[in-house]
C-alpha atoms as a PDB file:
ATOM      1  CA  MET A   1       2.740 -10.840   2.827  1.00  0.00           C
ATOM      2  CA  ALA A   2       4.534  -7.818   1.278  1.00  0.00           C
ATOM      3  CA  LEU A   3       4.012  -6.100  -2.121  1.00  0.00           C
ATOM      4  CA  GLY A   4       6.841  -6.350  -4.449  1.00  0.00           C
ATOM      5  CA  ARG A   5       6.340  -3.309  -6.577  1.00  0.00           C
ATOM      6  CA  GLY A   6       4.317  -0.104  -7.045  1.00  0.00           C
ATOM      7  CA  ARG A   7       1.651   0.959  -9.456  1.00  0.00           C
ATOM      8  CA  ALA A   8       4.236   2.810 -11.774  1.00  0.00           C
ATOM      9  CA  ASP A   9       5.887  -0.567 -12.618  1.00  0.00           C
ATOM     10  CA  GLY A  10       2.830  -1.906 -14.396  1.00  0.00           C
ATOM     11  CA  VAL A  11       3.180  -5.264 -13.113  1.00  0.00           C
ATOM     12  CA  CYS A  12       1.391  -7.374 -10.633  1.00  0.00           C
ATOM     13  CA  GLN A  13       2.105  -6.221  -6.922  1.00  0.00           C
ATOM     14  CA  ALA A  14       2.215  -9.955  -5.513  1.00  0.00           C
ATOM     15  CA  ARG A  15       5.441 -10.583  -4.084  1.00  0.00           C
ATOM     16  CA  GLU A  16       7.961 -11.990  -6.647  1.00  0.00           C
ATOM     17  CA  CYS A  17       5.419 -11.839  -9.534  1.00  0.00           C
ATOM     18  CA  ASN A  18       6.684 -10.277 -12.730  1.00  0.00           C
ATOM     19  CA  ALA A  19       3.373 -10.792 -14.793  1.00  0.00           C
ATOM     20  CA  GLN A  20       1.776  -7.793 -16.427  1.00  0.00           C
ATOM     21  CA  ALA A  21      -1.069  -6.362 -14.427  1.00  0.00           C
ATOM     22  CA  VAL A  22      -4.427  -6.637 -15.960  1.00  0.00           C
ATOM     23  CA  TRP A  23      -6.614  -5.961 -12.843  1.00  0.00           C
ATOM     24  CA  THR A  24      -7.021  -3.207 -10.289  1.00  0.00           C
ATOM     25  CA  ILE A  25      -7.981  -4.000  -6.711  1.00  0.00           C
ATOM     26  CA  THR A  26      -9.175  -0.879  -5.008  1.00  0.00           C
ATOM     27  CA  TRP A  27      -9.536  -1.242  -1.142  1.00  0.00           C
ATOM     28  CA  SER A  28      -9.931   0.606   2.046  1.00  0.00           C
ATOM     29  CA  ASN A  29      -9.664   0.164   5.754  1.00  0.00           C
ATOM     30  CA  PRO A  30     -13.064   0.900   7.318  1.00  0.00           C
ATOM     31  CA  LYS A  31     -11.399   1.391  10.660  1.00  0.00           C
ATOM     32  CA  ILE A  32      -9.726   4.521   9.229  1.00  0.00           C
ATOM     33  CA  PRO A  33     -12.643   6.390   7.675  1.00  0.00           C
ATOM     34  CA  TRP A  34     -10.475   9.495   6.809  1.00  0.00           C
ATOM     35  CA  ALA A  35      -7.950   7.392   4.780  1.00  0.00           C
ATOM     36  CA  ASP A  36      -7.977   7.318   1.110  1.00  0.00           C
ATOM     37  CA  SER A  37      -8.657   4.166  -0.988  1.00  0.00           C
ATOM     38  CA  LYS A  38      -5.511   2.091  -2.060  1.00  0.00           C
ATOM     39  CA  THR A  39      -5.132   0.346  -5.334  1.00  0.00           C
ATOM     40  CA  TRP A  40      -3.176  -2.689  -6.004  1.00  0.00           C
ATOM     41  CA  LEU A  41      -2.415  -4.072  -9.518  1.00  0.00           C
ATOM     42  CA  SER A  42      -2.752  -7.830 -10.158  1.00  0.00           C
ATOM     43  CA  CYS A  43      -2.346 -10.376 -12.943  1.00  0.00           C
ATOM     44  CA  ASP A  44      -4.983 -13.042 -13.550  1.00  0.00           C
ATOM     45  CA  GLU A  45      -3.164 -15.572 -11.438  1.00  0.00           C
ATOM     46  CA  HIS A  46      -3.017 -13.435  -8.229  1.00  0.00           C
ATOM     47  CA  ARG A  47      -6.307 -11.397  -8.539  1.00  0.00           C
ATOM     48  CA  GLU A  48      -8.292 -13.854  -6.218  1.00  0.00           C
ATOM     49  CA  PHE A  49      -5.531 -14.023  -3.793  1.00  0.00           C
ATOM     50  CA  LEU A  50      -5.020 -10.386  -3.400  1.00  0.00           C
ATOM     51  CA  SER A  51      -8.635  -9.690  -3.193  1.00  0.00           C
ATOM     52  CA  ASP A  52      -9.188 -12.535  -0.595  1.00  0.00           C
ATOM     53  CA  TYR A  53      -6.260 -11.025   1.437  1.00  0.00           C
ATOM     54  CA  MET A  54      -8.452  -7.777   1.831  1.00  0.00           C
ATOM     55  CA  LYS A  55     -11.759  -9.619   2.372  1.00  0.00           C
ATOM     56  CA  TYR A  56     -10.308 -11.708   5.018  1.00  0.00           C
ATOM     57  CA  ARG A  57      -9.430  -8.574   7.116  1.00  0.00           C
ATOM     58  CA  GLY A  58     -12.925  -7.106   6.416  1.00  0.00           C
ATOM     59  CA  PHE A  59     -11.611  -4.511   4.104  1.00  0.00           C
ATOM     60  CA  PRO A  60     -14.092  -3.736   1.227  1.00  0.00           C
ATOM     61  CA  CYS A  61     -12.578  -3.976  -2.043  1.00  0.00           C
ATOM     62  CA  GLU A  62     -13.563  -3.619  -5.766  1.00  0.00           C
ATOM     63  CA  ILE A  63     -11.986  -5.539  -8.694  1.00  0.00           C
ATOM     64  CA  ASN A  64     -11.945  -3.949 -12.203  1.00  0.00           C
ATOM     65  CA  PRO A  65     -10.045  -4.599 -15.355  1.00  0.00           C
ATOM     66  CA  LEU A  66      -6.914  -2.355 -15.713  1.00  0.00           C
ATOM     67  CA  ASP A  67      -7.877   0.571 -17.962  1.00  0.00           C
ATOM     68  CA  PRO A  68      -5.202   0.792 -20.798  1.00  0.00           C
ATOM     69  CA  THR A  69      -5.562   4.519 -20.765  1.00  0.00           C
ATOM     70  CA  ASP A  70      -4.602   4.740 -16.978  1.00  0.00           C
ATOM     71  CA  GLN A  71      -1.118   3.133 -17.559  1.00  0.00           C
ATOM     72  CA  PRO A  72       1.881   4.920 -15.933  1.00  0.00           C
ATOM     73  CA  ASP A  73       4.020   7.077 -18.330  1.00  0.00           C
ATOM     74  CA  GLY A  74       6.370   4.963 -20.562  1.00  0.00           C
ATOM     75  CA  TYR A  75       4.252   1.831 -20.125  1.00  0.00           C
ATOM     76  CA  SER A  76       2.095   0.163 -22.673  1.00  0.00           C
ATOM     77  CA  THR A  77       0.161  -3.074 -22.622  1.00  0.00           C
ATOM     78  CA  SER A  78       2.487  -4.442 -25.316  1.00  0.00           C
ATOM     79  CA  ASP A  79       5.521  -4.216 -23.125  1.00  0.00           C
ATOM     80  CA  GLN A  80       6.624  -7.617 -21.716  1.00  0.00           C
END
């Protein structure tokens, strides 16, 4: 599995998905304790798939609604 876009794009990071992101999935690799947490963006459709991807590997993750004030510059939730 490969992610299609980065956080700055404001869309779901599942491959080939162009839907607006509405969730953040924050995860970390416990085998690398000095590494920072990573955050993926997700649409409703891929939220469970992306979080299951982390849980399957034993990576703790937290799922939260995407904060509209935490949008990248030039992006608004009304953009389609």
